[in-house]
PDB file of N, CA and C in Angstrom:
ATOM      1  N   UNK A   1       0.833  -1.172   0.000  1.00  0.00           N
ATOM      2  CA  UNK A   1       0.000   0.000   0.000  1.00  0.00           C
ATOM      3  C   UNK A   1       0.882   1.242   0.000  1.00  0.00           C
ATOM      4  N   UNK A   2       0.340   2.290  -0.578  1.00  0.00           N
ATOM      5  CA  UNK A   2       1.101   3.517  -0.765  1.00  0.00           C
ATOM      6  C   UNK A   2       0.271   4.731  -0.383  1.00  0.00           C
ATOM      7  N   UNK A   3       0.959   5.767   0.042  1.00  0.00           N
ATOM      8  CA  UNK A   3       0.332   7.054   0.297  1.00  0.00           C
ATOM      9  C   UNK A   3       0.779   7.968  -0.837  1.00  0.00           C
ATOM     10  N   UNK A   4      -0.160   8.366  -1.682  1.00  0.00           N
ATOM     11  CA  UNK A   4       0.170   9.206  -2.824  1.00  0.00           C
ATOM     12  C   UNK A   4       0.301  10.659  -2.375  1.00  0.00           C
ATOM     13  N   UNK A   5       1.331  11.329  -2.888  1.00  0.00           N
ATOM     14  CA  UNK A   5       1.613  12.693  -2.458  1.00  0.00           C
ATOM     15  C   UNK A   5       1.322  13.717  -3.546  1.00  0.00           C
ATOM     16  N   UNK A   6       1.814  13.457  -4.768  1.00  0.00           N
ATOM     17  CA  UNK A   6       1.637  14.464  -5.806  1.00  0.00           C
ATOM     18  C   UNK A   6       1.681  13.813  -7.176  1.00  0.00           C
ATOM     19  N   UNK A   7       0.856  14.322  -8.068  1.00  0.00           N
ATOM     20  CA  UNK A   7       0.850  13.847  -9.445  1.00  0.00           C
ATOM     21  C   UNK A   7       1.965  14.577 -10.186  1.00  0.00           C
ATOM     22  N   UNK A   8       2.865  13.814 -10.798  1.00  0.00           N
ATOM     23  CA  UNK A   8       3.969  14.389 -11.562  1.00  0.00           C
ATOM     24  C   UNK A   8       3.623  14.537 -13.034  1.00  0.00           C
ATOM     25  N   UNK A   9       2.806  13.598 -13.534  1.00  0.00           N
ATOM     26  CA  UNK A   9       2.398  13.626 -14.945  1.00  0.00           C
ATOM     27  C   UNK A   9       1.066  12.909 -15.069  1.00  0.00           C
ATOM     28  N   UNK A  10       0.201  13.459 -15.910  1.00  0.00           N
ATOM     29  CA  UNK A  10      -1.071  12.806 -16.189  1.00  0.00           C
ATOM     30  C   UNK A  10      -1.325  12.915 -17.681  1.00  0.00           C
ATOM     31  N   UNK A  11      -1.317  11.794 -18.355  1.00  0.00           N
ATOM     32  CA  UNK A  11      -1.536  11.764 -19.793  1.00  0.00           C
ATOM     33  C   UNK A  11      -2.709  10.881 -20.139  1.00  0.00           C
ATOM     34  N   UNK A  12      -2.971  10.706 -21.424  1.00  0.00           N
ATOM     35  CA  UNK A  12      -4.130   9.905 -21.822  1.00  0.00           C
ATOM     36  C   UNK A  12      -3.981   8.420 -21.515  1.00  0.00           C
ATOM     37  N   UNK A  13      -2.732   7.932 -21.369  1.00  0.00           N
ATOM     38  CA  UNK A  13      -2.523   6.499 -21.159  1.00  0.00           C
ATOM     39  C   UNK A  13      -2.000   6.133 -19.778  1.00  0.00           C
ATOM     40  N   UNK A  14      -1.397   7.093 -19.084  1.00  0.00           N
ATOM     41  CA  UNK A  14      -0.846   6.768 -17.765  1.00  0.00           C
ATOM     42  C   UNK A  14      -0.783   7.992 -16.861  1.00  0.00           C
ATOM     43  N   UNK A  15      -0.556   7.697 -15.607  1.00  0.00           N
ATOM     44  CA  UNK A  15      -0.408   8.725 -14.578  1.00  0.00           C
ATOM     45  C   UNK A  15       0.831   8.365 -13.756  1.00  0.00           C
ATOM     46  N   UNK A  16       1.638   9.372 -13.432  1.00  0.00           N
ATOM     47  CA  UNK A  16       2.837   9.164 -12.639  1.00  0.00           C
ATOM     48  C   UNK A  16       2.706   9.998 -11.369  1.00  0.00           C
ATOM     49  N   UNK A  17       2.846   9.326 -10.221  1.00  0.00           N
ATOM     50  CA  UNK A  17       2.721  10.025  -8.942  1.00  0.00           C
ATOM     51  C   UNK A  17       3.921   9.750  -8.047  1.00  0.00           C
ATOM     52  N   UNK A  18       4.213  10.705  -7.204  1.00  0.00           N
ATOM     53  CA  UNK A  18       5.203  10.530  -6.143  1.00  0.00           C
ATOM     54  C   UNK A  18       4.426   9.999  -4.942  1.00  0.00           C
ATOM     55  N   UNK A  19       5.000   9.031  -4.243  1.00  0.00           N
ATOM     56  CA  UNK A  19       4.287   8.398  -3.132  1.00  0.00           C
ATOM     57  C   UNK A  19       5.275   7.866  -2.106  1.00  0.00           C
ATOM     58  N   UNK A  20       4.728   7.327  -1.012  1.00  0.00           N
ATOM     59  CA  UNK A  20       5.523   6.649   0.006  1.00  0.00           C
ATOM     60  C   UNK A  20       4.928   5.276   0.225  1.00  0.00           C
ATOM     61  N   UNK A  21       5.800   4.282   0.319  1.00  0.00           N
ATOM     62  CA  UNK A  21       5.346   2.934   0.660  1.00  0.00           C
ATOM     63  C   UNK A  21       5.040   2.933   2.149  1.00  0.00           C
ATOM     64  N   UNK A  22       3.843   2.553   2.517  1.00  0.00           N
ATOM     65  CA  UNK A  22       3.409   2.631   3.914  1.00  0.00           C
ATOM     66  C   UNK A  22       4.206   1.724   4.839  1.00  0.00           C
ATOM     67  N   UNK A  23       4.647   0.579   4.347  1.00  0.00           N
ATOM     68  CA  UNK A  23       5.342  -0.393   5.200  1.00  0.00           C
ATOM     69  C   UNK A  23       6.616   0.173   5.810  1.00  0.00           C
ATOM     70  N   UNK A  24       7.355   0.981   5.025  1.00  0.00           N
ATOM     71  CA  UNK A  24       8.645   1.475   5.523  1.00  0.00           C
ATOM     72  C   UNK A  24       8.915   2.945   5.182  1.00  0.00           C
ATOM     73  N   UNK A  25       7.903   3.645   4.658  1.00  0.00           N
ATOM     74  CA  UNK A  25       7.996   5.068   4.291  1.00  0.00           C
ATOM     75  C   UNK A  25       9.039   5.318   3.197  1.00  0.00           C
ATOM     76  N   UNK A  26       9.336   4.316   2.390  1.00  0.00           N
ATOM     77  CA  UNK A  26      10.269   4.462   1.280  1.00  0.00           C
ATOM     78  C   UNK A  26       9.629   5.380   0.235  1.00  0.00           C
ATOM     79  N   UNK A  27      10.332   6.453  -0.179  1.00  0.00           N
ATOM     80  CA  UNK A  27       9.783   7.300  -1.239  1.00  0.00           C
ATOM     81  C   UNK A  27       9.873   6.579  -2.583  1.00  0.00           C
ATOM     82  N   UNK A  28       8.771   6.567  -3.309  1.00  0.00           N
ATOM     83  CA  UNK A  28       8.699   5.864  -4.587  1.00  0.00           C
ATOM     84  C   UNK A  28       7.989   6.735  -5.613  1.00  0.00           C
ATOM     85  N   UNK A  29       8.109   6.330  -6.868  1.00  0.00           N
ATOM     86  CA  UNK A  29       7.329   6.910  -7.959  1.00  0.00           C
ATOM     87  C   UNK A  29       6.511   5.770  -8.540  1.00  0.00           C
ATOM     88  N   UNK A  30       5.232   6.027  -8.770  1.00  0.00           N
ATOM     89  CA  UNK A  30       4.334   4.989  -9.285  1.00  0.00           C
ATOM     90  C   UNK A  30       3.785   5.429 -10.633  1.00  0.00           C
ATOM     91  N   UNK A  31       4.004   4.583 -11.648  1.00  0.00           N
ATOM     92  CA  UNK A  31       3.432   4.817 -12.968  1.00  0.00           C
ATOM     93  C   UNK A  31       2.278   3.844 -13.128  1.00  0.00           C
ATOM     94  N   UNK A  32       1.081   4.382 -13.336  1.00  0.00           N
ATOM     95  CA  UNK A  32      -0.123   3.562 -13.453  1.00  0.00           C
ATOM     96  C   UNK A  32      -0.727   3.715 -14.837  1.00  0.00           C
ATOM     97  N   UNK A  33      -1.229   2.606 -15.373  1.00  0.00           N
ATOM     98  CA  UNK A  33      -2.025   2.683 -16.589  1.00  0.00           C
ATOM     99  C   UNK A  33      -3.361   3.311 -16.239  1.00  0.00           C
ATOM    100  N   UNK A  34      -3.862   4.143 -17.114  1.00  0.00           N
ATOM    101  CA  UNK A  34      -5.172   4.763 -16.878  1.00  0.00           C
ATOM    102  C   UNK A  34      -6.244   3.735 -17.196  1.00  0.00           C
ATOM    103  N   UNK A  35      -7.210   3.637 -16.339  1.00  0.00           N
ATOM    104  CA  UNK A  35      -8.306   2.702 -16.552  1.00  0.00           C
ATOM    105  C   UNK A  35      -8.035   1.344 -15.925  1.00  0.00           C
ATOM    106  N   UNK A  36      -9.086   0.758 -15.438  1.00  0.00           N
ATOM    107  CA  UNK A  36      -8.963  -0.546 -14.785  1.00  0.00           C
ATOM    108  C   UNK A  36      -8.986  -1.666 -15.811  1.00  0.00           C
ATOM    109  N   UNK A  37      -8.395  -2.777 -15.453  1.00  0.00           N
ATOM    110  CA  UNK A  37      -8.372  -4.005 -16.217  1.00  0.00           C
ATOM    111  C   UNK A  37      -7.941  -3.781 -17.667  1.00  0.00           C
ATOM    112  N   UNK A  38      -6.646  -3.480 -17.866  1.00  0.00           N
ATOM    113  CA  UNK A  38      -6.145  -3.273 -19.227  1.00  0.00           C
ATOM    114  C   UNK A  38      -6.237  -4.563 -20.045  1.00  0.00           C
ATOM    115  N   UNK A  39      -6.269  -4.401 -21.358  1.00  0.00           N
ATOM    116  CA  UNK A  39      -6.303  -5.549 -22.255  1.00  0.00           C
ATOM    117  C   UNK A  39      -4.958  -6.269 -22.258  1.00  0.00           C
ATOM    118  N   UNK A  40      -4.924  -7.478 -22.831  1.00  0.00           N
ATOM    119  CA  UNK A  40      -3.698  -8.271 -22.832  1.00  0.00           C
ATOM    120  C   UNK A  40      -2.525  -7.570 -23.521  1.00  0.00           C
ATOM    121  N   UNK A  41      -2.778  -6.881 -24.635  1.00  0.00           N
ATOM    122  CA  UNK A  41      -1.699  -6.173 -25.342  1.00  0.00           C
ATOM    123  C   UNK A  41      -1.121  -5.048 -24.497  1.00  0.00           C
ATOM    124  N   UNK A  42      -2.004  -4.242 -23.940  1.00  0.00           N
ATOM    125  CA  UNK A  42      -1.559  -3.105 -23.135  1.00  0.00           C
ATOM    126  C   UNK A  42      -0.807  -3.586 -21.896  1.00  0.00           C
ATOM    127  N   UNK A  43      -1.302  -4.632 -21.285  1.00  0.00           N
ATOM    128  CA  UNK A  43      -0.650  -5.184 -20.103  1.00  0.00           C
ATOM    129  C   UNK A  43       0.720  -5.773 -20.465  1.00  0.00           C
ATOM    130  N   UNK A  44       0.826  -6.443 -21.612  1.00  0.00           N
ATOM    131  CA  UNK A  44       2.106  -7.010 -22.056  1.00  0.00           C
ATOM    132  C   UNK A  44       3.113  -5.901 -22.354  1.00  0.00           C
ATOM    133  N   UNK A  45       2.676  -4.819 -22.988  1.00  0.00           N
ATOM    134  CA  UNK A  45       3.560  -3.691 -23.275  1.00  0.00           C
ATOM    135  C   UNK A  45       4.076  -3.065 -21.992  1.00  0.00           C
ATOM    136  N   UNK A  46       3.185  -2.900 -21.032  1.00  0.00           N
ATOM    137  CA  UNK A  46       3.551  -2.294 -19.753  1.00  0.00           C
ATOM    138  C   UNK A  46       4.513  -3.217 -18.996  1.00  0.00           C
ATOM    139  N   UNK A  47       4.281  -4.508 -19.078  1.00  0.00           N
ATOM    140  CA  UNK A  47       5.182  -5.476 -18.437  1.00  0.00           C
ATOM    141  C   UNK A  47       6.577  -5.449 -19.076  1.00  0.00           C
ATOM    142  N   UNK A  48       6.622  -5.290 -20.417  1.00  0.00           N
ATOM    143  CA  UNK A  48       7.916  -5.162 -21.102  1.00  0.00           C
ATOM    144  C   UNK A  48       8.656  -3.908 -20.642  1.00  0.00           C
ATOM    145  N   UNK A  49       7.920  -2.830 -20.415  1.00  0.00           N
ATOM    146  CA  UNK A  49       8.535  -1.597 -19.896  1.00  0.00           C
ATOM    147  C   UNK A  49       9.187  -1.869 -18.540  1.00  0.00           C
ATOM    148  N   UNK A  50       8.482  -2.581 -17.677  1.00  0.00           N
ATOM    149  CA  UNK A  50       9.038  -2.948 -16.366  1.00  0.00           C
ATOM    150  C   UNK A  50      10.289  -3.812 -16.541  1.00  0.00           C
ATOM    151  N   UNK A  51      10.215  -4.807 -17.422  1.00  0.00           N
ATOM    152  CA  UNK A  51      11.355  -5.704 -17.647  1.00  0.00           C
ATOM    153  C   UNK A  51      12.569  -4.941 -18.185  1.00  0.00           C
ATOM    154  N   UNK A  52      12.338  -3.976 -19.087  1.00  0.00           N
ATOM    155  CA  UNK A  52      13.446  -3.177 -19.620  1.00  0.00           C
ATOM    156  C   UNK A  52      14.083  -2.331 -18.525  1.00  0.00           C
ATOM    157  N   UNK A  53      13.256  -1.712 -17.679  1.00  0.00           N
ATOM    158  CA  UNK A  53      13.798  -0.936 -16.557  1.00  0.00           C
ATOM    159  C   UNK A  53      14.619  -1.833 -15.640  1.00  0.00           C
ATOM    160  N   UNK A  54      14.119  -3.032 -15.375  1.00  0.00           N
ATOM    161  CA  UNK A  54      14.843  -3.964 -14.502  1.00  0.00           C
ATOM    162  C   UNK A  54      16.176  -4.359 -15.116  1.00  0.00           C
ATOM    163  N   UNK A  55      16.227  -4.529 -16.444  1.00  0.00           N
ATOM    164  CA  UNK A  55      17.472  -4.935 -17.098  1.00  0.00           C
ATOM    165  C   UNK A  55      18.524  -3.826 -17.053  1.00  0.00           C
ATOM    166  N   UNK A  56      18.085  -2.567 -16.965  1.00  0.00           N
ATOM    167  CA  UNK A  56      19.031  -1.446 -16.864  1.00  0.00           C
ATOM    168  C   UNK A  56      19.680  -1.373 -15.492  1.00  0.00           C
ATOM    169  N   UNK A  57      19.011  -1.921 -14.490  1.00  0.00           N
ATOM    170  CA  UNK A  57      19.531  -1.967 -13.125  1.00  0.00           C
ATOM    171  C   UNK A  57      19.999  -0.600 -12.623  1.00  0.00           C
ATOM    172  N   UNK A  58      19.197   0.441 -12.909  1.00  0.00           N
ATOM    173  CA  UNK A  58      19.506   1.769 -12.396  1.00  0.00           C
ATOM    174  C   UNK A  58      20.472   2.581 -13.228  1.00  0.00           C
ATOM    175  N   UNK A  59      20.935   2.052 -14.344  1.00  0.00           N
ATOM    176  CA  UNK A  59      21.866   2.787 -15.209  1.00  0.00           C
ATOM    177  C   UNK A  59      21.089   3.756 -16.094  1.00  0.00           C
ATOM    178  N   UNK A  60      20.975   5.000 -15.636  1.00  0.00           N
ATOM    179  CA  UNK A  60      20.290   6.025 -16.415  1.00  0.00           C
ATOM    180  C   UNK A  60      18.785   6.047 -16.275  1.00  0.00           C
ATOM    181  N   UNK A  61      18.235   5.227 -15.439  1.00  0.00           N
ATOM    182  CA  UNK A  61      16.786   5.171 -15.236  1.00  0.00           C
ATOM    183  C   UNK A  61      16.524   4.686 -13.811  1.00  0.00           C
ATOM    184  N   UNK A  62      15.360   5.038 -13.254  1.00  0.00           N
ATOM    185  CA  UNK A  62      15.061   4.556 -11.898  1.00  0.00           C
ATOM    186  C   UNK A  62      14.916   3.038 -11.864  1.00  0.00           C
ATOM    187  N   UNK A  63      15.332   2.443 -10.757  1.00  0.00           N
ATOM    188  CA  UNK A  63      15.180   0.995 -10.585  1.00  0.00           C
ATOM    189  C   UNK A  63      13.725   0.672 -10.277  1.00  0.00           C
ATOM    190  N   UNK A  64      13.166  -0.316 -10.964  1.00  0.00           N
ATOM    191  CA  UNK A  64      11.806  -0.728 -10.616  1.00  0.00           C
ATOM    192  C   UNK A  64      11.823  -1.572  -9.342  1.00  0.00           C
ATOM    193  N   UNK A  65      10.825  -1.375  -8.517  1.00  0.00           N
ATOM    194  CA  UNK A  65      10.694  -2.118  -7.263  1.00  0.00           C
ATOM    195  C   UNK A  65       9.656  -3.223  -7.402  1.00  0.00           C
ATOM    196  N   UNK A  66       8.570  -2.927  -8.136  1.00  0.00           N
ATOM    197  CA  UNK A  66       7.493  -3.913  -8.258  1.00  0.00           C
ATOM    198  C   UNK A  66       6.631  -3.624  -9.478  1.00  0.00           C
ATOM    199  N   UNK A  67       6.063  -4.692 -10.020  1.00  0.00           N
ATOM    200  CA  UNK A  67       5.019  -4.613 -11.037  1.00  0.00           C
ATOM    201  C   UNK A  67       3.779  -5.170 -10.361  1.00  0.00           C
ATOM    202  N   UNK A  68       2.728  -4.364 -10.282  1.00  0.00           N
ATOM    203  CA  UNK A  68       1.555  -4.769  -9.504  1.00  0.00           C
ATOM    204  C   UNK A  68       0.269  -4.533 -10.285  1.00  0.00           C
ATOM    205  N   UNK A  69      -0.729  -5.308  -9.957  1.00  0.00           N
ATOM    206  CA  UNK A  69      -2.094  -5.089 -10.418  1.00  0.00           C
ATOM    207  C   UNK A  69      -2.897  -4.858  -9.154  1.00  0.00           C
ATOM    208  N   UNK A  70      -3.277  -3.596  -8.914  1.00  0.00           N
ATOM    209  CA  UNK A  70      -3.964  -3.227  -7.680  1.00  0.00           C
ATOM    210  C   UNK A  70      -5.359  -2.726  -8.028  1.00  0.00           C
ATOM    211  N   UNK A  71      -6.379  -3.431  -7.568  1.00  0.00           N
ATOM    212  CA  UNK A  71      -7.773  -3.103  -7.888  1.00  0.00           C
ATOM    213  C   UNK A  71      -7.978  -2.968  -9.396  1.00  0.00           C
ATOM    214  N   UNK A  72      -7.317  -3.835 -10.167  1.00  0.00           N
ATOM    215  CA  UNK A  72      -7.474  -3.838 -11.607  1.00  0.00           C
ATOM    216  C   UNK A  72      -6.616  -2.828 -12.349  1.00  0.00           C
ATOM    217  N   UNK A  73      -5.839  -2.034 -11.627  1.00  0.00           N
ATOM    218  CA  UNK A  73      -4.989  -1.019 -12.248  1.00  0.00           C
ATOM    219  C   UNK A  73      -3.541  -1.513 -12.224  1.00  0.00           C
ATOM    220  N   UNK A  74      -2.929  -1.595 -13.406  1.00  0.00           N
ATOM    221  CA  UNK A  74      -1.537  -2.025 -13.509  1.00  0.00           C
ATOM    222  C   UNK A  74      -0.628  -0.853 -13.130  1.00  0.00           C
ATOM    223  N   UNK A  75       0.416  -1.153 -12.350  1.00  0.00           N
ATOM    224  CA  UNK A  75       1.337  -0.096 -11.953  1.00  0.00           C
ATOM    225  C   UNK A  75       2.755  -0.620 -11.816  1.00  0.00           C
ATOM    226  N   UNK A  76       3.704   0.271 -12.144  1.00  0.00           N
ATOM    227  CA  UNK A  76       5.120   0.015 -11.936  1.00  0.00           C
ATOM    228  C   UNK A  76       5.559   0.920 -10.801  1.00  0.00           C
ATOM    229  N   UNK A  77       6.105   0.317  -9.751  1.00  0.00           N
ATOM    230  CA  UNK A  77       6.623   1.068  -8.613  1.00  0.00           C
ATOM    231  C   UNK A  77       8.128   1.163  -8.777  1.00  0.00           C
ATOM    232  N   UNK A  78       8.661   2.393  -8.726  1.00  0.00           N
ATOM    233  CA  UNK A  78      10.093   2.620  -8.953  1.00  0.00           C
ATOM    234  C   UNK A  78      10.692   3.413  -7.796  1.00  0.00           C
ATOM    235  N   UNK A  79      12.020   3.311  -7.681  1.00  0.00           N
ATOM    236  CA  UNK A  79      12.713   4.132  -6.704  1.00  0.00           C
ATOM    237  C   UNK A  79      12.517   5.593  -7.087  1.00  0.00           C
ATOM    238  N   UNK A  80      12.497   6.454  -6.084  1.00  0.00           N
ATOM    239  CA  UNK A  80      12.402   7.878  -6.340  1.00  0.00           C
ATOM    240  C   UNK A  80      13.819   8.432  -6.358  1.00  0.00           C
ATOM    241  N   UNK A  81      14.199   9.012  -7.476  1.00  0.00           N
ATOM    242  CA  UNK A  81      15.526   9.579  -7.590  1.00  0.00           C
ATOM    243  C   UNK A  81      15.535  10.991  -7.008  1.00  0.00           C
ATOM    244  N   UNK A  82      16.668  11.427  -6.470  1.00  0.00           N
ATOM    245  CA  UNK A  82      16.728  12.793  -5.944  1.00  0.00           C
ATOM    246  C   UNK A  82      16.648  13.802  -7.079  1.00  0.00           C
ATOM    247  N   UNK A  83      16.184  14.980  -6.762  1.00  0.00           N
ATOM    248  CA  UNK A  83      16.103  16.045  -7.758  1.00  0.00           C
ATOM    249  C   UNK A  83      14.676  16.498  -7.957  1.00  0.00           C
ATOM    250  N   UNK A  84      14.522  17.411  -8.873  1.00  0.00           N
ATOM    251  CA  UNK A  84      13.225  17.989  -9.169  1.00  0.00           C
ATOM    252  C   UNK A  84      12.733  17.417 -10.484  1.00  0.00           C
ATOM    253  N   UNK A  85      11.460  17.050 -10.515  1.00  0.00           N
ATOM    254  CA  UNK A  85      10.881  16.481 -11.722  1.00  0.00           C
ATOM    255  C   UNK A  85      10.773  17.563 -12.787  1.00  0.00           C
TER     256      UNK A  85
END
């Protein structure tokens, strides 16, 4: 579970928010697909995005922490990098 703090980006296909993981107050960024229960293609594309981020292992991009389906909404949870968005 997460406590959402601020929306960083909101587009037609996704929303990116700054948040804190409730379990340990870890600051994270969450990218969510807009709309519940995405189709198989959209979900596969989003999963590939997570896999690509994981393969970079933090080299030039935030490290992904989790790929989740929460209440039908797909989301990628990433480390929050220091700096201003």
